[in-house]
ModelCIF file with pLDDT and N, C-alpha, C, O atoms, coordinates in Angstrom:
data_MODEL
#
_entry.id   MODEL 
#
_entity.id                         1 
_entity.type                       polymer 
_entity.pdbx_number_of_molecules   1 
#
_entity_poly.entity_id                      1 
_entity_poly.type                           'polypeptide(L)' 
_entity_poly.nstd_linkage                   no 
_entity_poly.nstd_monomer                   no 
_entity_poly.pdbx_seq_one_letter_code       DRGVEVTYLLVTDGDAGGNERTLDNSGMAEL 
_entity_poly.pdbx_seq_one_letter_code_can   DRGVEVTYLLVTDGDAGGNERTLDNSGMAEL 
_entity_poly.pdbx_strand_id                 A 
#
loop_
_entity_poly_seq.entity_id 
_entity_poly_seq.num 
_entity_poly_seq.mon_id 
_entity_poly_seq.hetero 
1 1  ASP n 
1 2  ARG n 
1 3  GLY n 
1 4  VAL n 
1 5  GLU n 
1 6  VAL n 
1 7  THR n 
1 8  TYR n 
1 9  LEU n 
1 10 LEU n 
1 11 VAL n 
1 12 THR n 
1 13 ASP n 
1 14 GLY n 
1 15 ASP n 
1 16 ALA n 
1 17 GLY n 
1 18 GLY n 
1 19 ASN n 
1 20 GLU n 
1 21 ARG n 
1 22 THR n 
1 23 LEU n 
1 24 ASP n 
1 25 ASN n 
1 26 SER n 
1 27 GLY n 
1 28 MET n 
1 29 ALA n 
1 30 GLU n 
1 31 LEU n 
#
_struct_asym.id          A 
_struct_asym.entity_id   1 
#
loop_
_ma_qa_metric.id 
_ma_qa_metric.mode 
_ma_qa_metric.name 
_ma_qa_metric.software_group_id 
_ma_qa_metric.type 
1 global pLDDT . pLDDT 
2 local  pLDDT . pLDDT 
#
_ma_qa_metric_global.metric_id      1 
_ma_qa_metric_global.metric_value   86.19 
_ma_qa_metric_global.model_id       1 
_ma_qa_metric_global.ordinal_id     1 
#
loop_
_ma_qa_metric_local.label_asym_id 
_ma_qa_metric_local.label_comp_id 
_ma_qa_metric_local.label_seq_id 
_ma_qa_metric_local.metric_id 
_ma_qa_metric_local.metric_value 
_ma_qa_metric_local.model_id 
_ma_qa_metric_local.ordinal_id 
A ASP 1  2 98.00 1 1  
A ARG 2  2 97.00 1 2  
A GLY 3  2 98.00 1 3  
A VAL 4  2 98.00 1 4  
A GLU 5  2 98.00 1 5  
A VAL 6  2 98.00 1 6  
A THR 7  2 98.00 1 7  
A TYR 8  2 98.00 1 8  
A LEU 9  2 98.00 1 9  
A LEU 10 2 98.00 1 10 
A VAL 11 2 98.00 1 11 
A THR 12 2 97.00 1 12 
A ASP 13 2 94.00 1 13 
A GLY 14 2 93.00 1 14 
A ASP 15 2 89.00 1 15 
A ALA 16 2 88.00 1 16 
A GLY 17 2 78.00 1 17 
A GLY 18 2 66.00 1 18 
A ASN 19 2 64.00 1 19 
A GLU 20 2 61.00 1 20 
A ARG 21 2 62.00 1 21 
A THR 22 2 64.00 1 22 
A LEU 23 2 66.00 1 23 
A ASP 24 2 73.00 1 24 
A ASN 25 2 72.00 1 25 
A SER 26 2 76.00 1 26 
A GLY 27 2 87.00 1 27 
A MET 28 2 89.00 1 28 
A ALA 29 2 91.00 1 29 
A GLU 30 2 93.00 1 30 
A LEU 31 2 92.00 1 31 
#
loop_
_atom_site.group_PDB 
_atom_site.id 
_atom_site.type_symbol 
_atom_site.label_atom_id 
_atom_site.label_alt_id 
_atom_site.label_comp_id 
_atom_site.label_asym_id 
_atom_site.label_entity_id 
_atom_site.label_seq_id 
_atom_site.pdbx_PDB_ins_code 
_atom_site.Cartn_x 
_atom_site.Cartn_y 
_atom_site.Cartn_z 
_atom_site.occupancy 
_atom_site.B_iso_or_equiv 
_atom_site.pdbx_formal_charge 
_atom_site.auth_seq_id 
_atom_site.auth_comp_id 
_atom_site.auth_asym_id 
_atom_site.auth_atom_id 
_atom_site.pdbx_PDB_model_num 
ATOM 1   N N  . ASP A 1 1  ? -71.059 -40.454 -24.726 1.00 98.00 ? 1  ASP A N  1 
ATOM 2   C CA . ASP A 1 1  ? -72.807 -40.185 -25.280 1.00 98.00 ? 1  ASP A CA 1 
ATOM 3   C C  . ASP A 1 1  ? -73.060 -39.164 -26.342 1.00 98.00 ? 1  ASP A C  1 
ATOM 4   O O  . ASP A 1 1  ? -73.631 -39.190 -27.432 1.00 98.00 ? 1  ASP A O  1 
ATOM 5   N N  . ARG A 1 2  ? -72.355 -38.137 -25.552 1.00 97.00 ? 2  ARG A N  1 
ATOM 6   C CA . ARG A 1 2  ? -72.561 -37.158 -26.231 1.00 97.00 ? 2  ARG A CA 1 
ATOM 7   C C  . ARG A 1 2  ? -71.137 -36.960 -27.531 1.00 97.00 ? 2  ARG A C  1 
ATOM 8   O O  . ARG A 1 2  ? -70.925 -35.780 -27.811 1.00 97.00 ? 2  ARG A O  1 
ATOM 9   N N  . GLY A 1 3  ? -70.571 -37.609 -27.994 1.00 98.00 ? 3  GLY A N  1 
ATOM 10  C CA . GLY A 1 3  ? -68.890 -37.187 -28.483 1.00 98.00 ? 3  GLY A CA 1 
ATOM 11  C C  . GLY A 1 3  ? -68.457 -36.375 -28.021 1.00 98.00 ? 3  GLY A C  1 
ATOM 12  O O  . GLY A 1 3  ? -68.535 -35.438 -28.816 1.00 98.00 ? 3  GLY A O  1 
ATOM 13  N N  . VAL A 1 4  ? -67.878 -36.004 -26.931 1.00 98.00 ? 4  VAL A N  1 
ATOM 14  C CA . VAL A 1 4  ? -66.905 -35.235 -25.214 1.00 98.00 ? 4  VAL A CA 1 
ATOM 15  C C  . VAL A 1 4  ? -66.093 -36.161 -26.209 1.00 98.00 ? 4  VAL A C  1 
ATOM 16  O O  . VAL A 1 4  ? -66.786 -36.959 -26.841 1.00 98.00 ? 4  VAL A O  1 
ATOM 17  N N  . GLU A 1 5  ? -64.673 -36.178 -26.455 1.00 98.00 ? 5  GLU A N  1 
ATOM 18  C CA . GLU A 1 5  ? -63.161 -36.521 -26.097 1.00 98.00 ? 5  GLU A CA 1 
ATOM 19  C C  . GLU A 1 5  ? -63.151 -36.497 -24.603 1.00 98.00 ? 5  GLU A C  1 
ATOM 20  O O  . GLU A 1 5  ? -63.389 -35.432 -24.034 1.00 98.00 ? 5  GLU A O  1 
ATOM 21  N N  . VAL A 1 6  ? -62.956 -37.325 -24.081 1.00 98.00 ? 6  VAL A N  1 
ATOM 22  C CA . VAL A 1 6  ? -62.151 -37.624 -23.059 1.00 98.00 ? 6  VAL A CA 1 
ATOM 23  C C  . VAL A 1 6  ? -60.983 -38.081 -23.037 1.00 98.00 ? 6  VAL A C  1 
ATOM 24  O O  . VAL A 1 6  ? -60.703 -38.511 -24.156 1.00 98.00 ? 6  VAL A O  1 
ATOM 25  N N  . THR A 1 7  ? -59.818 -38.253 -22.018 1.00 98.00 ? 7  THR A N  1 
ATOM 26  C CA . THR A 1 7  ? -58.681 -38.029 -21.876 1.00 98.00 ? 7  THR A CA 1 
ATOM 27  C C  . THR A 1 7  ? -58.299 -38.826 -20.176 1.00 98.00 ? 7  THR A C  1 
ATOM 28  O O  . THR A 1 7  ? -58.888 -38.282 -19.242 1.00 98.00 ? 7  THR A O  1 
ATOM 29  N N  . TYR A 1 8  ? -57.423 -39.972 -19.826 1.00 98.00 ? 8  TYR A N  1 
ATOM 30  C CA . TYR A 1 8  ? -57.536 -40.553 -19.051 1.00 98.00 ? 8  TYR A CA 1 
ATOM 31  C C  . TYR A 1 8  ? -56.282 -39.865 -18.255 1.00 98.00 ? 8  TYR A C  1 
ATOM 32  O O  . TYR A 1 8  ? -55.353 -40.433 -18.828 1.00 98.00 ? 8  TYR A O  1 
ATOM 33  N N  . LEU A 1 9  ? -55.768 -39.136 -17.446 1.00 98.00 ? 9  LEU A N  1 
ATOM 34  C CA . LEU A 1 9  ? -54.762 -38.993 -16.890 1.00 98.00 ? 9  LEU A CA 1 
ATOM 35  C C  . LEU A 1 9  ? -54.046 -39.906 -15.330 1.00 98.00 ? 9  LEU A C  1 
ATOM 36  O O  . LEU A 1 9  ? -54.415 -39.610 -14.194 1.00 98.00 ? 9  LEU A O  1 
ATOM 37  N N  . LEU A 1 10 ? -52.965 -41.047 -15.639 1.00 98.00 ? 10 LEU A N  1 
ATOM 38  C CA . LEU A 1 10 ? -53.246 -41.840 -14.278 1.00 98.00 ? 10 LEU A CA 1 
ATOM 39  C C  . LEU A 1 10 ? -51.521 -41.359 -14.135 1.00 98.00 ? 10 LEU A C  1 
ATOM 40  O O  . LEU A 1 10 ? -50.804 -41.622 -15.100 1.00 98.00 ? 10 LEU A O  1 
ATOM 41  N N  . VAL A 1 11 ? -50.879 -40.637 -12.880 1.00 98.00 ? 11 VAL A N  1 
ATOM 42  C CA . VAL A 1 11 ? -49.714 -40.458 -12.168 1.00 98.00 ? 11 VAL A CA 1 
ATOM 43  C C  . VAL A 1 11 ? -49.367 -41.443 -12.036 1.00 98.00 ? 11 VAL A C  1 
ATOM 44  O O  . VAL A 1 11 ? -48.463 -41.748 -12.814 1.00 98.00 ? 11 VAL A O  1 
ATOM 45  N N  . THR A 1 12 ? -49.928 -42.823 -10.772 1.00 97.00 ? 12 THR A N  1 
ATOM 46  C CA . THR A 1 12 ? -49.278 -42.967 -10.758 1.00 97.00 ? 12 THR A CA 1 
ATOM 47  C C  . THR A 1 12 ? -49.669 -45.168 -11.487 1.00 97.00 ? 12 THR A C  1 
ATOM 48  O O  . THR A 1 12 ? -50.549 -45.412 -12.313 1.00 97.00 ? 12 THR A O  1 
ATOM 49  N N  . ASP A 1 13 ? -49.056 -45.904 -11.070 1.00 94.00 ? 13 ASP A N  1 
ATOM 50  C CA . ASP A 1 13 ? -49.663 -47.531 -11.969 1.00 94.00 ? 13 ASP A CA 1 
ATOM 51  C C  . ASP A 1 13 ? -50.170 -48.291 -10.688 1.00 94.00 ? 13 ASP A C  1 
ATOM 52  O O  . ASP A 1 13 ? -50.303 -49.514 -10.659 1.00 94.00 ? 13 ASP A O  1 
ATOM 53  N N  . GLY A 1 14 ? -50.426 -47.496 -9.685  1.00 93.00 ? 14 GLY A N  1 
ATOM 54  C CA . GLY A 1 14 ? -51.742 -48.042 -8.669  1.00 93.00 ? 14 GLY A CA 1 
ATOM 55  C C  . GLY A 1 14 ? -50.869 -49.661 -7.578  1.00 93.00 ? 14 GLY A C  1 
ATOM 56  O O  . GLY A 1 14 ? -51.418 -50.388 -6.750  1.00 93.00 ? 14 GLY A O  1 
ATOM 57  N N  . ASP A 1 15 ? -49.327 -49.684 -8.112  1.00 89.00 ? 15 ASP A N  1 
ATOM 58  C CA . ASP A 1 15 ? -48.359 -50.550 -7.699  1.00 89.00 ? 15 ASP A CA 1 
ATOM 59  C C  . ASP A 1 15 ? -48.627 -51.628 -5.941  1.00 89.00 ? 15 ASP A C  1 
ATOM 60  O O  . ASP A 1 15 ? -48.672 -52.788 -5.531  1.00 89.00 ? 15 ASP A O  1 
ATOM 61  N N  . ALA A 1 16 ? -48.735 -50.152 -5.458  1.00 88.00 ? 16 ALA A N  1 
ATOM 62  C CA . ALA A 1 16 ? -48.914 -50.380 -4.268  1.00 88.00 ? 16 ALA A CA 1 
ATOM 63  C C  . ALA A 1 16 ? -50.122 -50.367 -4.121  1.00 88.00 ? 16 ALA A C  1 
ATOM 64  O O  . ALA A 1 16 ? -50.661 -49.423 -3.543  1.00 88.00 ? 16 ALA A O  1 
ATOM 65  N N  . GLY A 1 17 ? -50.874 -51.485 -4.644  1.00 78.00 ? 17 GLY A N  1 
ATOM 66  C CA . GLY A 1 17 ? -52.767 -51.015 -4.334  1.00 78.00 ? 17 GLY A CA 1 
ATOM 67  C C  . GLY A 1 17 ? -52.189 -52.961 -4.709  1.00 78.00 ? 17 GLY A C  1 
ATOM 68  O O  . GLY A 1 17 ? -51.153 -53.512 -5.082  1.00 78.00 ? 17 GLY A O  1 
ATOM 69  N N  . GLY A 1 18 ? -53.736 -53.432 -4.283  1.00 66.00 ? 18 GLY A N  1 
ATOM 70  C CA . GLY A 1 18 ? -54.565 -54.331 -4.214  1.00 66.00 ? 18 GLY A CA 1 
ATOM 71  C C  . GLY A 1 18 ? -54.316 -55.784 -3.188  1.00 66.00 ? 18 GLY A C  1 
ATOM 72  O O  . GLY A 1 18 ? -53.702 -55.716 -2.122  1.00 66.00 ? 18 GLY A O  1 
ATOM 73  N N  . ASN A 1 19 ? -54.685 -56.585 -3.526  1.00 64.00 ? 19 ASN A N  1 
ATOM 74  C CA . ASN A 1 19 ? -54.683 -57.881 -2.866  1.00 64.00 ? 19 ASN A CA 1 
ATOM 75  C C  . ASN A 1 19 ? -54.340 -58.714 -2.738  1.00 64.00 ? 19 ASN A C  1 
ATOM 76  O O  . ASN A 1 19 ? -54.478 -59.298 -1.663  1.00 64.00 ? 19 ASN A O  1 
ATOM 77  N N  . GLU A 1 20 ? -53.711 -59.225 -3.754  1.00 61.00 ? 20 GLU A N  1 
ATOM 78  C CA . GLU A 1 20 ? -52.956 -60.003 -4.490  1.00 61.00 ? 20 GLU A CA 1 
ATOM 79  C C  . GLU A 1 20 ? -51.290 -59.581 -3.950  1.00 61.00 ? 20 GLU A C  1 
ATOM 80  O O  . GLU A 1 20 ? -50.547 -58.767 -4.500  1.00 61.00 ? 20 GLU A O  1 
ATOM 81  N N  . ARG A 1 21 ? -50.958 -60.504 -2.571  1.00 62.00 ? 21 ARG A N  1 
ATOM 82  C CA . ARG A 1 21 ? -49.602 -60.540 -2.597  1.00 62.00 ? 21 ARG A CA 1 
ATOM 83  C C  . ARG A 1 21 ? -49.173 -61.896 -3.656  1.00 62.00 ? 21 ARG A C  1 
ATOM 84  O O  . ARG A 1 21 ? -48.264 -62.225 -2.893  1.00 62.00 ? 21 ARG A O  1 
ATOM 85  N N  . THR A 1 22 ? -49.148 -62.174 -3.953  1.00 64.00 ? 22 THR A N  1 
ATOM 86  C CA . THR A 1 22 ? -47.847 -63.115 -5.296  1.00 64.00 ? 22 THR A CA 1 
ATOM 87  C C  . THR A 1 22 ? -47.547 -62.028 -6.235  1.00 64.00 ? 22 THR A C  1 
ATOM 88  O O  . THR A 1 22 ? -46.746 -62.316 -7.124  1.00 64.00 ? 22 THR A O  1 
ATOM 89  N N  . LEU A 1 23 ? -48.006 -60.883 -6.221  1.00 66.00 ? 23 LEU A N  1 
ATOM 90  C CA . LEU A 1 23 ? -47.598 -60.376 -7.556  1.00 66.00 ? 23 LEU A CA 1 
ATOM 91  C C  . LEU A 1 23 ? -46.892 -59.100 -6.736  1.00 66.00 ? 23 LEU A C  1 
ATOM 92  O O  . LEU A 1 23 ? -47.343 -58.396 -5.833  1.00 66.00 ? 23 LEU A O  1 
ATOM 93  N N  . ASP A 1 24 ? -44.847 -59.088 -7.820  1.00 73.00 ? 24 ASP A N  1 
ATOM 94  C CA . ASP A 1 24 ? -44.444 -58.083 -7.184  1.00 73.00 ? 24 ASP A CA 1 
ATOM 95  C C  . ASP A 1 24 ? -44.962 -56.783 -7.559  1.00 73.00 ? 24 ASP A C  1 
ATOM 96  O O  . ASP A 1 24 ? -46.010 -56.643 -8.189  1.00 73.00 ? 24 ASP A O  1 
ATOM 97  N N  . ASN A 1 25 ? -43.951 -55.485 -7.025  1.00 72.00 ? 25 ASN A N  1 
ATOM 98  C CA . ASN A 1 25 ? -44.970 -54.179 -7.568  1.00 72.00 ? 25 ASN A CA 1 
ATOM 99  C C  . ASN A 1 25 ? -45.428 -54.780 -9.344  1.00 72.00 ? 25 ASN A C  1 
ATOM 100 O O  . ASN A 1 25 ? -46.465 -55.203 -9.856  1.00 72.00 ? 25 ASN A O  1 
ATOM 101 N N  . SER A 1 26 ? -43.755 -54.474 -9.928  1.00 76.00 ? 26 SER A N  1 
ATOM 102 C CA . SER A 1 26 ? -43.805 -54.803 -11.546 1.00 76.00 ? 26 SER A CA 1 
ATOM 103 C C  . SER A 1 26 ? -44.818 -55.517 -11.357 1.00 76.00 ? 26 SER A C  1 
ATOM 104 O O  . SER A 1 26 ? -44.431 -56.144 -10.371 1.00 76.00 ? 26 SER A O  1 
ATOM 105 N N  . GLY A 1 27 ? -45.612 -55.810 -11.522 1.00 87.00 ? 27 GLY A N  1 
ATOM 106 C CA . GLY A 1 27 ? -46.233 -57.563 -11.505 1.00 87.00 ? 27 GLY A CA 1 
ATOM 107 C C  . GLY A 1 27 ? -48.076 -57.055 -11.349 1.00 87.00 ? 27 GLY A C  1 
ATOM 108 O O  . GLY A 1 27 ? -49.038 -57.262 -12.088 1.00 87.00 ? 27 GLY A O  1 
ATOM 109 N N  . MET A 1 28 ? -47.898 -56.153 -9.713  1.00 89.00 ? 28 MET A N  1 
ATOM 110 C CA . MET A 1 28 ? -49.029 -55.282 -10.116 1.00 89.00 ? 28 MET A CA 1 
ATOM 111 C C  . MET A 1 28 ? -49.446 -53.875 -11.178 1.00 89.00 ? 28 MET A C  1 
ATOM 112 O O  . MET A 1 28 ? -50.309 -53.608 -12.015 1.00 89.00 ? 28 MET A O  1 
ATOM 113 N N  . ALA A 1 29 ? -48.016 -53.081 -10.426 1.00 91.00 ? 29 ALA A N  1 
ATOM 114 C CA . ALA A 1 29 ? -48.400 -52.524 -11.265 1.00 91.00 ? 29 ALA A CA 1 
ATOM 115 C C  . ALA A 1 29 ? -49.221 -52.738 -12.974 1.00 91.00 ? 29 ALA A C  1 
ATOM 116 O O  . ALA A 1 29 ? -50.172 -52.003 -13.242 1.00 91.00 ? 29 ALA A O  1 
ATOM 117 N N  . GLU A 1 30 ? -48.873 -53.487 -13.714 1.00 93.00 ? 30 GLU A N  1 
ATOM 118 C CA . GLU A 1 30 ? -49.112 -54.081 -15.125 1.00 93.00 ? 30 GLU A CA 1 
ATOM 119 C C  . GLU A 1 30 ? -50.220 -54.732 -14.695 1.00 93.00 ? 30 GLU A C  1 
ATOM 120 O O  . GLU A 1 30 ? -51.121 -54.144 -15.294 1.00 93.00 ? 30 GLU A O  1 
ATOM 121 N N  . LEU A 1 31 ? -50.614 -55.400 -14.171 1.00 92.00 ? 31 LEU A N  1 
ATOM 122 C CA . LEU A 1 31 ? -52.091 -55.490 -14.016 1.00 92.00 ? 31 LEU A CA 1 
ATOM 123 C C  . LEU A 1 31 ? -52.623 -54.162 -14.007 1.00 92.00 ? 31 LEU A C  1 
ATOM 124 O O  . LEU A 1 31 ? -53.835 -53.983 -13.889 1.00 92.00 ? 31 LEU A O  1 
#
């Protein structure tokens, strides 16, 4: 809100998370 430049750095894509088991790891990572 006050104009600070913010960067997000994510170490993983979270491919082992979620409850949607119809997706393989690459599909979950993309999602």
